[in-house]
Protein backbone atom coordinates (compact mmCIF):
# COMPACT_ATOMS: atom_id res chain seq x y z
CA MET A 1 -23.99 -21.54 -14.70
CA ASN A 2 -25.99 -19.03 -12.64
CA LEU A 3 -23.33 -16.65 -11.33
CA PHE A 4 -25.57 -15.21 -8.60
CA VAL A 5 -26.28 -18.70 -7.22
CA GLU A 6 -22.58 -19.56 -7.29
CA MET A 7 -21.81 -16.36 -5.38
CA LEU A 8 -24.34 -17.35 -2.71
CA LYS A 9 -22.60 -20.72 -2.45
CA ALA A 10 -19.26 -18.93 -2.07
CA VAL A 11 -20.76 -16.89 0.77
CA LEU A 12 -21.84 -20.09 2.51
CA PHE A 13 -18.37 -21.61 2.12
CA GLY A 14 -16.86 -18.41 3.47
CA VAL A 15 -19.12 -18.50 6.52
CA VAL A 16 -18.16 -22.10 7.30
CA GLU A 17 -14.45 -21.33 6.76
CA GLY A 18 -14.58 -18.20 8.90
CA ILE A 19 -16.09 -20.10 11.84
CA THR A 20 -14.35 -23.45 11.68
CA GLU A 21 -10.81 -22.29 10.84
CA TRP A 22 -10.30 -20.79 14.29
CA LEU A 23 -12.25 -23.20 16.43
CA PRO A 24 -10.56 -26.57 17.15
CA ILE A 25 -13.20 -28.49 15.18
CA SER A 26 -11.58 -29.02 11.74
CA SER A 27 -12.48 -26.76 8.85
CA THR A 28 -11.67 -29.64 6.46
CA GLY A 29 -14.30 -31.91 8.00
CA HIS A 30 -16.94 -29.23 7.67
CA MET A 31 -15.89 -28.37 4.11
CA ILE A 32 -16.13 -32.01 3.05
CA LEU A 33 -19.65 -32.27 4.47
CA LEU A 34 -20.71 -28.95 2.97
CA ASP A 35 -19.39 -29.96 -0.45
CA GLU A 36 -21.69 -32.98 -0.37
CA PHE A 37 -24.75 -30.75 -0.27
CA VAL A 38 -23.58 -27.47 -1.81
CA GLN A 39 -21.28 -27.86 -4.78
CA LEU A 40 -19.74 -25.05 -6.76
CA GLN A 41 -20.32 -25.52 -10.48
CA MET A 42 -16.64 -25.23 -11.17
CA SER A 43 -13.80 -27.56 -12.09
CA ASP A 44 -12.41 -29.86 -9.42
CA ALA A 45 -9.07 -28.05 -9.66
CA PHE A 46 -10.74 -24.70 -8.93
CA LYS A 47 -12.74 -26.08 -6.00
CA THR A 48 -9.62 -27.60 -4.43
CA MET A 49 -7.82 -24.28 -4.78
CA PHE A 50 -10.87 -22.28 -3.60
CA ASN A 51 -11.23 -24.25 -0.35
CA VAL A 52 -7.64 -23.36 0.57
CA VAL A 53 -7.32 -19.81 -0.78
CA ILE A 54 -10.44 -18.44 0.97
CA GLN A 55 -8.32 -18.91 4.09
CA LEU A 56 -6.57 -15.68 3.05
CA GLY A 57 -9.67 -13.80 4.15
CA ALA A 58 -9.53 -15.56 7.50
CA ILE A 59 -5.82 -14.70 7.85
CA LEU A 60 -6.52 -11.03 7.22
CA ALA A 61 -8.93 -11.06 10.16
CA VAL A 62 -6.09 -12.10 12.49
CA VAL A 63 -3.83 -9.38 11.08
CA VAL A 64 -6.50 -6.72 11.60
CA LEU A 65 -7.48 -7.83 15.11
CA TYR A 66 -3.91 -8.26 16.38
CA PHE A 67 -2.15 -5.62 14.29
CA PRO A 68 -0.73 -3.68 17.28
CA LYS A 69 0.83 -6.89 18.59
CA LEU A 70 2.08 -8.07 15.17
CA TRP A 71 3.46 -4.85 13.63
CA PRO A 72 7.20 -4.70 14.48
CA PHE A 73 7.94 -1.06 13.62
CA ARG A 74 7.67 2.18 15.58
CA ARG A 75 6.76 5.47 13.95
CA GLY A 76 9.01 8.50 13.93
CA GLU A 77 12.08 6.75 15.36
CA LYS A 78 15.60 6.88 13.95
CA GLY A 79 18.18 4.12 14.05
CA LEU A 80 17.71 0.41 13.46
CA MET A 81 17.27 -0.65 17.07
CA SER A 82 15.00 2.25 18.00
CA TRP A 83 12.39 1.76 15.25
CA LEU A 84 12.20 -1.98 15.72
CA ARG A 85 9.95 -3.31 18.48
CA MET A 86 12.14 -6.17 19.66
CA ASP A 87 9.36 -7.93 21.58
CA THR A 88 7.38 -8.18 18.32
CA VAL A 89 10.47 -9.24 16.38
CA ASN A 90 11.04 -12.02 18.92
CA LEU A 91 7.41 -13.08 18.55
CA TRP A 92 7.82 -13.40 14.77
CA ILE A 93 11.04 -15.38 15.22
CA LYS A 94 9.14 -17.81 17.45
CA VAL A 95 6.39 -18.05 14.83
CA VAL A 96 8.95 -18.86 12.13
CA VAL A 97 10.55 -21.51 14.36
CA ALA A 98 7.13 -23.03 15.01
CA ILE A 99 6.11 -23.29 11.34
CA LEU A 100 9.35 -24.92 10.17
CA PRO A 101 8.37 -28.53 11.04
CA SER A 102 5.09 -28.41 9.12
CA ALA A 103 6.80 -26.67 6.17
CA ILE A 104 9.53 -29.32 6.04
CA VAL A 105 6.96 -32.13 6.04
CA GLY A 106 4.04 -30.47 4.28
CA ILE A 107 5.61 -28.91 1.19
CA PRO A 108 7.20 -32.05 -0.32
CA PHE A 109 4.26 -34.30 0.59
CA ASP A 110 1.38 -31.93 -0.31
CA ASP A 111 0.25 -33.84 -3.41
CA TRP A 112 0.59 -37.24 -1.71
CA MET A 113 -1.51 -36.14 1.26
CA ASP A 114 -4.20 -34.69 -1.02
CA ALA A 115 -4.36 -37.98 -2.91
CA HIS A 116 -4.27 -40.40 0.04
CA LEU A 117 -5.52 -38.62 3.15
CA HIS A 118 -8.15 -36.17 1.95
CA ASN A 119 -11.08 -38.54 2.32
CA ALA A 120 -14.05 -39.11 4.63
CA PRO A 121 -12.70 -42.10 6.63
CA VAL A 122 -9.50 -40.25 7.58
CA VAL A 123 -11.36 -37.05 8.45
CA ALA A 124 -13.95 -38.91 10.55
CA ALA A 125 -11.25 -40.82 12.45
CA MET A 126 -9.22 -37.67 13.20
CA LEU A 127 -12.31 -35.79 14.35
CA VAL A 128 -13.11 -38.49 16.87
CA ILE A 129 -9.53 -39.15 18.01
CA TYR A 130 -8.75 -35.53 18.76
CA GLY A 131 -12.19 -34.98 20.24
CA VAL A 132 -11.42 -37.69 22.77
CA ALA A 133 -7.97 -36.15 23.32
CA PHE A 134 -9.47 -32.76 24.18
CA ILE A 135 -11.86 -34.32 26.69
CA LEU A 136 -9.17 -36.44 28.36
CA ILE A 137 -6.73 -33.54 28.61
CA GLU A 138 -9.35 -31.24 30.09
CA ARG A 139 -10.34 -33.88 32.64
CA GLY A 140 -6.69 -34.29 33.59
CA GLN A 141 -6.25 -30.57 34.23
CA ASN A 142 -6.18 -29.42 37.83
CA PRO A 143 -8.80 -26.62 37.98
CA ARG A 144 -6.90 -24.97 40.86
CA ARG A 145 -3.59 -24.97 39.05
CA ARG A 146 -2.89 -21.85 37.00
CA ALA A 147 -1.06 -22.30 33.67
CA HIS A 148 2.42 -20.77 33.93
CA ILE A 149 2.28 -19.23 30.43
CA GLN A 150 -0.45 -16.60 30.42
CA SER A 151 0.57 -14.65 27.29
CA VAL A 152 2.27 -15.40 23.97
CA GLU A 153 5.21 -13.16 24.95
CA LEU A 154 6.19 -15.72 27.60
CA ILE A 155 6.43 -18.59 25.09
CA ASP A 156 10.13 -19.37 24.54
CA MET A 157 11.85 -20.84 21.47
CA ARG A 158 11.78 -24.41 22.75
CA MET A 159 8.08 -24.23 23.50
CA ALA A 160 7.41 -22.62 20.10
CA LEU A 161 9.21 -25.51 18.39
CA MET A 162 7.24 -28.07 20.39
CA ILE A 163 3.95 -26.41 19.43
CA GLY A 164 5.20 -26.42 15.83
CA LEU A 165 5.72 -30.18 16.04
CA PHE A 166 2.09 -30.52 17.12
CA GLN A 167 1.11 -28.49 14.07
CA VAL A 168 2.63 -31.21 11.87
CA LEU A 169 -0.22 -33.45 13.08
CA SER A 170 -2.70 -31.09 11.44
CA LEU A 171 -1.38 -32.01 8.00
CA VAL A 172 -3.70 -35.00 8.31
CA PRO A 173 -7.16 -33.73 7.27
CA GLY A 174 -9.71 -33.67 10.07
CA THR A 175 -7.13 -33.01 12.78
CA SER A 176 -7.64 -29.22 12.79
CA ARG A 177 -4.63 -26.92 12.61
CA SER A 178 -5.91 -24.77 15.45
CA GLY A 179 -6.89 -27.88 17.42
CA ALA A 180 -3.44 -29.47 17.16
CA THR A 181 -1.52 -26.29 18.04
CA ILE A 182 -3.86 -25.32 20.89
CA LEU A 183 -3.63 -28.86 22.27
CA GLY A 184 0.17 -28.66 22.08
CA GLY A 185 0.23 -25.28 23.78
CA VAL A 186 -1.98 -26.41 26.66
CA LEU A 187 0.16 -29.52 27.17
CA MET A 188 3.26 -27.28 27.23
CA GLY A 189 1.76 -25.20 30.06
CA CYS A 190 0.06 -22.36 28.15
CA SER A 191 -3.27 -20.95 29.20
CA ARG A 192 -6.10 -21.65 26.75
CA ALA A 193 -6.13 -18.01 25.64
CA ALA A 194 -2.34 -17.84 25.11
CA ALA A 195 -2.32 -21.15 23.22
CA SER A 196 -5.19 -19.95 21.04
CA GLU A 197 -3.54 -16.62 20.24
CA PHE A 198 -0.25 -18.27 19.31
CA SER A 199 -2.20 -20.67 17.13
CA PHE A 200 -3.77 -17.68 15.35
CA PHE A 201 -0.34 -16.16 14.70
CA LEU A 202 1.01 -19.44 13.32
CA ALA A 203 -1.90 -19.46 10.89
CA ILE A 204 -0.67 -16.33 9.09
CA PRO A 205 2.46 -17.78 7.40
CA THR A 206 1.12 -21.36 7.41
CA MET A 207 -2.12 -20.61 5.59
CA ALA A 208 -0.58 -17.95 3.37
CA GLY A 209 2.03 -20.49 2.23
CA ALA A 210 -0.59 -23.19 1.64
CA SER A 211 -2.71 -20.73 -0.36
CA LEU A 212 0.27 -19.69 -2.49
CA ILE A 213 1.09 -23.32 -3.29
CA LYS A 214 -2.52 -24.01 -4.38
CA VAL A 215 -2.70 -20.87 -6.52
CA LEU A 216 0.58 -21.69 -8.27
CA LYS A 217 -0.61 -25.24 -8.95
CA PHE A 218 -3.93 -23.99 -10.31
CA GLY A 219 -2.30 -21.21 -12.35
CA LEU A 220 -3.03 -17.50 -12.50
CA SER A 221 -5.38 -17.68 -15.50
CA PHE A 222 -8.64 -17.09 -13.65
CA THR A 223 -11.83 -16.38 -15.54
CA GLY A 224 -13.84 -13.36 -14.43
CA ALA A 225 -16.43 -15.61 -12.76
CA GLU A 226 -13.78 -17.62 -10.91
CA LEU A 227 -12.07 -14.51 -9.62
CA LEU A 228 -15.38 -13.02 -8.44
CA ILE A 229 -16.39 -16.19 -6.62
CA LEU A 230 -12.95 -16.41 -4.98
CA LEU A 231 -13.17 -12.79 -3.81
CA VAL A 232 -16.68 -13.31 -2.41
CA GLY A 233 -15.48 -16.34 -0.45
CA CYS A 234 -12.44 -14.47 0.91
CA VAL A 235 -14.40 -11.37 1.97
CA THR A 236 -17.04 -13.50 3.68
CA ALA A 237 -14.39 -15.54 5.49
CA PHE A 238 -12.76 -12.30 6.67
CA VAL A 239 -15.94 -10.78 8.11
CA VAL A 240 -17.07 -14.01 9.80
CA SER A 241 -13.56 -14.64 11.16
CA ILE A 242 -13.55 -11.28 12.94
CA VAL A 243 -16.64 -12.30 14.90
CA ALA A 244 -15.53 -15.91 15.40
CA ILE A 245 -12.08 -15.03 16.79
CA LYS A 246 -13.43 -12.45 19.24
CA THR A 247 -16.14 -14.85 20.42
CA PHE A 248 -13.75 -17.79 20.73
CA ILE A 249 -11.15 -15.89 22.78
CA GLY A 250 -13.86 -14.64 25.11
CA TYR A 251 -15.19 -18.19 25.48
CA VAL A 252 -11.88 -19.94 26.26
CA LYS A 253 -11.02 -17.42 28.97
CA LYS A 254 -13.96 -18.76 30.98
CA HIS A 255 -14.60 -22.28 29.69
CA SER A 256 -12.71 -25.47 28.86
CA PHE A 257 -12.39 -27.19 25.46
CA THR A 258 -14.58 -30.11 26.54
CA ALA A 259 -17.58 -28.93 24.51
CA PHE A 260 -15.42 -28.84 21.37
CA GLY A 261 -14.27 -32.39 22.12
CA TRP A 262 -17.84 -33.68 22.24
CA TYR A 263 -18.73 -31.71 19.13
CA ARG A 264 -15.81 -33.28 17.23
CA ILE A 265 -16.88 -36.77 18.26
CA ALA A 266 -20.47 -36.12 17.15
CA LEU A 267 -19.32 -34.63 13.83
CA GLY A 268 -16.88 -37.49 13.22
CA ALA A 269 -19.65 -40.01 13.81
CA LEU A 270 -21.93 -38.06 11.45
CA VAL A 271 -19.29 -37.98 8.71
CA ALA A 272 -18.60 -41.71 9.12
CA VAL A 273 -22.28 -42.71 9.07
CA TYR A 274 -23.13 -40.45 6.14
CA PHE A 275 -20.39 -41.78 3.90
CA LEU A 276 -21.00 -45.40 4.93
CA LEU A 277 -24.66 -45.09 3.96
CA LYS A 278 -23.98 -43.09 0.83
């Protein structure tokens, strides 16, 4: 095994993860395609774990970019209620409420879904189905009507739970976690930017939990090469995610999700054709 070559592959996987995790285009679909052409010379167990755990780098990007909004403590204050920022505490409570449905379904069925749903036909179908959904929803939006939820602070507990139920859909590979939650938020009356930001915040505990499960299943006995490759993938995903998140938020403030819908349909067709001809 050429370690330098494997590190370059890890960089490529990190770039793809950092871009596709935050856009509603399915990181899983892109990872499956990438793995067909660029394969890490590692065990299947390590590669399965690697594809999930490099998301930790992407998560860190959200924490860094939104730290002032996510950090619930004030400096130099005395007394429980004075050093807690209650608006931030309420935001985290809504995040916890929103991740409960996917945790309840995802944790006990993780192995079953990996075995039965993590395949090209399922991914291709979900890419196309949700691509069509994005286009239809955007066409049904009244361009003169302003969404009544313009910031994540205005999302209430009921709406958070409803968005969380949409996140359950993303347990099916190819759906896109960000795509499902953003779609749910828009349907609930959120602006595209508010739905996207809330989706980013949901990713922190959701992806951290998924990464922890994969690491525990793989075990903590990493070789030096495995640990290095994992770190390279995480760092790359972090750096690329910073750029991707900033660009995406700027884009959705001025544009619809229609382009992502068409992209999903094209990618789904490509995945289907490739694996049919293979």
